Amino acid sequence: MPVLFALCGPTGVGKSKLSLELAERYRAEIIGVDSRQIYRGFAIGTAQPSVLEMQRVNHHLINFCEPSRVYSAGDFCNDVRALLEANPQKNYILVGGTGLYLQALMLGLPKIPAIDGCVRESLEAECEKFGLPWLCDEARKVDPESMECADENNRHRIVRILEVYHGTGRKLSEWKLERSGGIGNIPVYFLNRSRENLYARINERVNQMVRDGWLQEIHSLAQRVPLAAPAWQSLGYCELLAAKDDSEIQIVLDKVKRQTRNYAKRQITWFSRQVDSTQINLDSEDALHVITAP
């Protein structure tokens, strides 16, 4: 198996830095497991690895997808399998925090039957009429398990949860018990920190994004990427684009910090329940010595 292990954890915990050191140790390449870092050009606000980091270690499934494309867990599984089959002699490390991608890759995709397109069309119309927060509330009512770790800015994901429920009469979380096509279990290391340190890192990372030119990135993207493109669902992008002055920008940034902290908390809860992993506290453990390849 060319996948040595998966390195997972909540956003902002420090996966990227550690993954570079581990990749060099094991002469491995990195496969991103992040539903936001896939989009080309949306680099700063999604905390993509820097150009220098990607030159240091070869990365895959990062900054490669057209912003207008809807990219699913199925697409991710297909791309990873194709990469592994084409390069059986190479070692890879999976790195990221999108648990649904990792779970689908290991266990396979749910065997959900085809759903009439009118169901999705109706849900999209409701989202336009009532807004995404309303749609999230509806999804939470019918399938709280699937919403537990869902990115509430990911409109496609929220619509999918409701589409499956209304189109099949069963929750997406129930269909996930019936899967096929996975690559099998691999060692998973889940990185964490004290809540206080993790939240402080998240707050500082948002500040650093602004210093790195996040606002300039957003306004540049707005000149060439349609605002209806799925990539704009990444947290903070549309809100900062609409901000009219420094005061509004600060309000949005505070909201981004709060929502990112909340998302990190959901990631921790989801992984603890859904994925068998070795837990590593980066505040106290030397992960380079704890993490070993098979």
Protein backbone atom coordinates (compact mmCIF):
# COMPACT_ATOMS: atom_id res chain seq x y z
CA MET A 1 0.00 0.00 0.00
CA PRO A 2 1.67 3.25 -1.13
CA VAL A 3 -0.33 5.29 1.44
CA LEU A 4 1.78 5.20 4.59
CA PHE A 5 -0.71 6.91 6.89
CA ALA A 6 -3.14 9.82 7.22
CA LEU A 7 -2.34 12.94 9.20
CA CYS A 8 -5.58 14.59 10.28
CA GLY A 9 -6.81 17.13 12.78
CA PRO A 10 -8.84 20.31 13.18
CA THR A 11 -8.11 23.36 11.11
CA GLY A 12 -5.18 25.38 12.42
CA VAL A 13 -3.67 22.62 14.53
CA GLY A 14 -0.38 22.46 12.62
CA LYS A 15 -0.80 19.62 10.12
CA SER A 16 1.05 21.28 7.23
CA LYS A 17 4.35 21.93 8.99
CA LEU A 18 4.52 18.45 10.48
CA SER A 19 3.51 16.79 7.21
CA LEU A 20 6.49 18.35 5.41
CA GLU A 21 8.92 16.95 7.97
CA LEU A 22 7.32 13.51 7.86
CA ALA A 23 7.21 13.45 4.07
CA GLU A 24 10.91 14.19 3.93
CA ARG A 25 11.65 11.54 6.55
CA TYR A 26 9.79 8.83 4.62
CA ARG A 27 10.53 10.13 1.12
CA ALA A 28 6.82 10.50 0.53
CA GLU A 29 4.55 12.85 -1.37
CA ILE A 30 1.51 14.55 0.14
CA ILE A 31 -2.10 14.09 -0.92
CA GLY A 32 -4.36 16.88 0.31
CA VAL A 33 -7.58 15.86 2.06
CA ASP A 34 -9.25 19.25 2.15
CA SER A 35 -12.42 20.22 0.30
CA ARG A 36 -11.50 23.94 0.26
CA GLN A 37 -7.81 23.82 -0.65
CA ILE A 38 -8.59 22.12 -3.96
CA TYR A 39 -9.61 25.33 -5.75
CA ARG A 40 -7.13 27.10 -7.98
CA GLY A 41 -6.40 30.66 -6.89
CA PHE A 42 -8.19 30.48 -3.53
CA ALA A 43 -4.91 30.03 -1.72
CA ILE A 44 -4.56 32.43 1.20
CA GLY A 45 -8.05 32.17 2.70
CA THR A 46 -8.04 28.36 2.58
CA ALA A 47 -4.50 28.12 4.02
CA GLN A 48 -3.09 26.21 1.08
CA PRO A 49 0.58 25.21 1.41
CA SER A 50 2.85 27.95 0.06
CA VAL A 51 4.63 27.70 -3.27
CA LEU A 52 7.89 27.07 -1.42
CA GLU A 53 6.32 24.28 0.64
CA MET A 54 4.93 22.62 -2.48
CA GLN A 55 8.36 22.86 -4.08
CA ARG A 56 9.91 21.32 -0.98
CA VAL A 57 7.56 18.29 -1.11
CA ASN A 58 5.39 17.28 -4.06
CA HIS A 59 1.70 17.87 -3.25
CA HIS A 60 -1.38 16.46 -4.98
CA LEU A 61 -5.03 17.60 -5.02
CA ILE A 62 -4.10 21.09 -3.86
CA ASN A 63 -4.80 24.22 -5.95
CA PHE A 64 -5.77 22.17 -9.00
CA CYS A 65 -9.55 22.38 -9.40
CA GLU A 66 -11.37 25.00 -11.46
CA PRO A 67 -13.33 27.31 -9.11
CA SER A 68 -16.57 26.70 -11.04
CA ARG A 69 -16.45 22.92 -10.59
CA VAL A 70 -18.45 21.06 -7.98
CA TYR A 71 -15.98 18.55 -6.54
CA SER A 72 -17.37 15.63 -4.54
CA ALA A 73 -16.07 12.92 -2.24
CA GLY A 74 -16.52 10.56 -5.18
CA ASP A 75 -14.27 12.73 -7.32
CA PHE A 76 -11.69 12.73 -4.56
CA CYS A 77 -11.74 8.94 -4.26
CA ASN A 78 -11.42 8.51 -8.01
CA ASP A 79 -8.50 10.95 -8.21
CA VAL A 80 -6.63 9.33 -5.31
CA ARG A 81 -7.12 5.80 -6.67
CA ALA A 82 -5.90 6.91 -10.10
CA LEU A 83 -2.82 8.51 -8.54
CA LEU A 84 -2.01 5.40 -6.50
CA GLU A 85 -2.50 3.06 -9.44
CA ALA A 86 -0.29 5.18 -11.68
CA ASN A 87 2.53 5.39 -9.12
CA PRO A 88 2.67 2.13 -7.14
CA GLN A 89 6.35 2.65 -6.38
CA LYS A 90 5.83 5.94 -4.53
CA ASN A 91 4.95 6.59 -0.89
CA TYR A 92 2.14 8.97 0.02
CA ILE A 93 0.83 10.67 3.16
CA LEU A 94 -2.78 11.86 3.33
CA VAL A 95 -2.98 15.27 5.02
CA GLY A 96 -6.08 17.29 5.84
CA GLY A 97 -9.19 17.79 7.90
CA THR A 98 -12.05 16.84 5.58
CA GLY A 99 -13.10 13.67 7.36
CA LEU A 100 -15.76 12.72 4.82
CA TYR A 101 -13.11 12.47 2.10
CA LEU A 102 -10.89 10.25 4.23
CA GLN A 103 -13.77 8.06 5.34
CA ALA A 104 -15.03 7.60 1.78
CA LEU A 105 -11.55 6.71 0.56
CA MET A 106 -11.01 4.03 3.21
CA LEU A 107 -14.52 2.58 3.51
CA GLY A 108 -15.92 3.32 0.06
CA LEU A 109 -18.80 5.47 -1.14
CA PRO A 110 -22.39 5.06 0.09
CA LYS A 111 -24.51 3.06 -2.37
CA ILE A 112 -27.12 5.79 -2.85
CA PRO A 113 -29.51 5.27 -5.78
CA ALA A 114 -30.00 7.91 -8.46
CA ILE A 115 -32.25 10.76 -7.36
CA ASP A 116 -34.60 12.71 -9.60
CA GLY A 117 -32.97 16.02 -10.55
CA CYS A 118 -36.10 17.97 -9.64
CA VAL A 119 -35.38 17.32 -5.95
CA ARG A 120 -32.08 19.19 -6.13
CA GLU A 121 -33.59 21.94 -8.27
CA SER A 122 -36.30 22.51 -5.67
CA LEU A 123 -33.75 22.66 -2.86
CA GLU A 124 -31.53 25.08 -4.78
CA ALA A 125 -34.57 27.32 -5.33
CA GLU A 126 -35.38 27.23 -1.61
CA CYS A 127 -31.78 28.15 -0.81
CA GLU A 128 -31.99 31.15 -3.12
CA LYS A 129 -35.28 32.22 -1.56
CA PHE A 130 -34.60 31.64 2.15
CA GLY A 131 -30.79 31.62 2.36
CA LEU A 132 -28.14 29.05 3.27
CA PRO A 133 -28.54 29.39 7.10
CA TRP A 134 -32.20 28.41 6.72
CA LEU A 135 -31.20 25.42 4.59
CA CYS A 136 -28.67 24.36 7.24
CA ASP A 137 -31.41 24.42 9.88
CA GLU A 138 -33.61 22.22 7.68
CA ALA A 139 -30.77 19.75 7.14
CA ARG A 140 -30.04 19.68 10.85
CA LYS A 141 -33.65 18.77 11.57
CA VAL A 142 -33.73 15.74 9.27
CA ASP A 143 -30.12 14.50 9.56
CA PRO A 144 -28.22 15.92 12.54
CA GLU A 145 -25.57 13.19 12.24
CA SER A 146 -24.51 14.31 8.75
CA MET A 147 -24.56 17.95 9.82
CA GLU A 148 -22.26 17.27 12.76
CA CYS A 149 -19.10 18.00 10.80
CA ALA A 150 -20.56 19.62 7.70
CA ASP A 151 -19.06 22.91 6.56
CA GLU A 152 -22.09 25.19 6.85
CA ASN A 153 -20.71 27.39 4.07
CA ASN A 154 -20.60 24.44 1.67
CA ARG A 155 -23.91 24.86 -0.10
CA HIS A 156 -23.42 21.79 -2.27
CA ARG A 157 -22.92 19.60 0.80
CA ILE A 158 -25.98 20.94 2.64
CA VAL A 159 -28.16 20.52 -0.44
CA ARG A 160 -26.85 16.96 -0.84
CA ILE A 161 -27.85 16.03 2.71
CA LEU A 162 -31.40 17.23 2.09
CA GLU A 163 -31.49 15.81 -1.44
CA VAL A 164 -30.71 12.30 -0.19
CA TYR A 165 -33.29 12.53 2.60
CA HIS A 166 -36.10 13.83 0.38
CA GLY A 167 -35.12 11.70 -2.62
CA THR A 168 -34.72 8.34 -0.85
CA GLY A 169 -36.61 8.67 2.40
CA ARG A 170 -33.43 7.79 4.32
CA LYS A 171 -30.74 9.89 5.93
CA LEU A 172 -27.36 10.27 4.28
CA SER A 173 -25.86 9.08 7.57
CA GLU A 174 -27.85 5.84 7.20
CA TRP A 175 -26.70 5.27 3.62
CA LYS A 176 -23.11 5.63 4.82
CA LEU A 177 -23.48 2.25 6.51
CA GLU A 178 -23.75 0.65 3.05
CA ARG A 179 -20.51 1.29 1.16
CA SER A 180 -18.31 -0.13 -1.57
CA GLY A 181 -15.01 0.56 -3.32
CA GLY A 182 -12.79 1.67 -0.44
CA ILE A 183 -9.03 1.11 -0.29
CA GLY A 184 -9.27 -0.27 3.25
CA ASN A 185 -8.12 1.05 6.59
CA ILE A 186 -4.80 2.82 6.92
CA PRO A 187 -3.12 4.20 10.07
CA VAL A 188 -4.67 7.54 11.03
CA TYR A 189 -2.94 10.02 13.34
CA PHE A 190 -5.23 12.71 14.73
CA LEU A 191 -3.44 15.85 15.86
CA ASN A 192 -4.89 18.05 18.56
CA ARG A 193 -3.97 20.73 21.09
CA SER A 194 -5.57 22.22 24.16
CA ARG A 195 -8.68 24.14 23.18
CA GLU A 196 -7.08 27.40 24.38
CA ASN A 197 -3.97 26.95 22.22
CA LEU A 198 -5.92 25.74 19.20
CA TYR A 199 -8.26 28.73 19.29
CA ALA A 200 -5.34 31.14 19.71
CA ARG A 201 -3.65 29.58 16.65
CA ILE A 202 -6.84 29.93 14.63
CA ASN A 203 -7.24 33.60 15.56
CA GLU A 204 -3.63 34.35 14.67
CA ARG A 205 -3.85 32.45 11.40
CA VAL A 206 -6.74 34.64 10.25
CA ASN A 207 -4.69 37.72 11.16
CA GLN A 208 -1.76 36.31 9.19
CA MET A 209 -3.98 35.68 6.18
CA VAL A 210 -4.82 39.38 6.09
CA ARG A 211 -1.12 40.31 6.37
CA ASP A 212 -0.37 37.87 3.54
CA GLY A 213 -2.80 39.65 1.22
CA TRP A 214 -6.11 37.82 1.62
CA LEU A 215 -8.18 40.92 0.82
CA GLN A 216 -6.18 41.56 -2.32
CA GLU A 217 -6.60 37.92 -3.34
CA ILE A 218 -10.37 38.16 -2.92
CA HIS A 219 -10.76 41.29 -5.03
CA SER A 220 -8.47 39.90 -7.71
CA LEU A 221 -10.49 36.67 -7.90
CA ALA A 222 -13.71 38.67 -8.18
CA GLN A 223 -12.44 40.09 -11.47
CA ARG A 224 -12.25 36.67 -13.12
CA VAL A 225 -14.23 34.07 -11.16
CA PRO A 226 -18.06 34.20 -11.23
CA LEU A 227 -19.51 34.70 -7.76
CA ALA A 228 -21.77 31.68 -8.28
CA ALA A 229 -18.72 29.39 -8.47
CA PRO A 230 -18.53 26.81 -5.63
CA ALA A 231 -15.07 28.03 -4.64
CA TRP A 232 -16.63 31.23 -3.27
CA GLN A 233 -18.33 29.16 -0.57
CA SER A 234 -15.01 29.01 1.28
CA LEU A 235 -15.39 30.79 4.59
CA GLY A 236 -15.00 34.57 4.52
CA TYR A 237 -14.54 35.15 0.81
CA CYS A 238 -17.96 36.52 -0.13
CA GLU A 239 -18.36 38.33 3.17
CA LEU A 240 -15.04 40.16 2.85
CA LEU A 241 -15.75 41.00 -0.78
CA ALA A 242 -18.99 42.70 0.30
CA ALA A 243 -17.40 44.61 3.21
CA LYS A 244 -17.38 48.35 2.46
CA ASP A 245 -14.92 49.75 4.97
CA ASP A 246 -12.40 48.82 7.66
CA SER A 247 -15.09 48.55 10.31
CA GLU A 248 -17.11 46.04 8.28
CA ILE A 249 -13.94 44.12 7.41
CA GLN A 250 -13.10 43.73 11.10
CA ILE A 251 -16.61 42.50 11.86
CA VAL A 252 -16.27 39.87 9.12
CA LEU A 253 -12.84 38.81 10.33
CA ASP A 254 -14.13 38.35 13.87
CA LYS A 255 -16.95 36.23 12.43
CA VAL A 256 -14.49 34.16 10.40
CA LYS A 257 -12.45 33.47 13.54
CA ARG A 258 -15.55 32.44 15.47
CA GLN A 259 -16.90 30.20 12.71
CA THR A 260 -13.49 28.60 12.18
CA ARG A 261 -13.23 27.84 15.90
CA ASN A 262 -16.69 26.29 15.79
CA TYR A 263 -15.74 24.23 12.74
CA ALA A 264 -12.59 22.98 14.48
CA LYS A 265 -14.71 21.88 17.43
CA ARG A 266 -17.03 19.94 15.10
CA GLN A 267 -14.03 18.31 13.40
CA ILE A 268 -12.71 17.08 16.74
CA THR A 269 -16.11 15.64 17.69
CA TRP A 270 -16.63 13.99 14.29
CA PHE A 271 -13.23 12.33 14.09
CA SER A 272 -13.52 11.02 17.65
CA ARG A 273 -16.73 9.21 16.71
CA GLN A 274 -16.20 8.28 13.07
CA VAL A 275 -12.55 7.35 12.54
CA ASP A 276 -10.33 4.98 14.50
CA SER A 277 -7.13 6.96 15.07
CA THR A 278 -4.09 7.45 17.26
CA GLN A 279 -4.51 10.73 19.14
CA ILE A 280 -1.49 13.03 19.42
CA ASN A 281 -1.38 16.16 21.57
CA LEU A 282 0.97 18.56 19.80
CA ASP A 283 1.26 20.65 22.96
CA SER A 284 3.15 17.91 24.76
CA GLU A 285 4.23 15.12 22.40
CA ASP A 286 7.03 14.98 19.88
CA ALA A 287 4.93 13.82 16.95
CA LEU A 288 7.97 13.11 14.78
CA HIS A 289 8.91 10.30 17.13
CA VAL A 290 5.37 9.07 17.79
CA ILE A 291 4.32 8.79 14.13
CA THR A 292 5.82 5.84 12.31
CA ALA A 293 5.21 4.36 8.89
CA PRO A 294 4.27 0.67 8.55
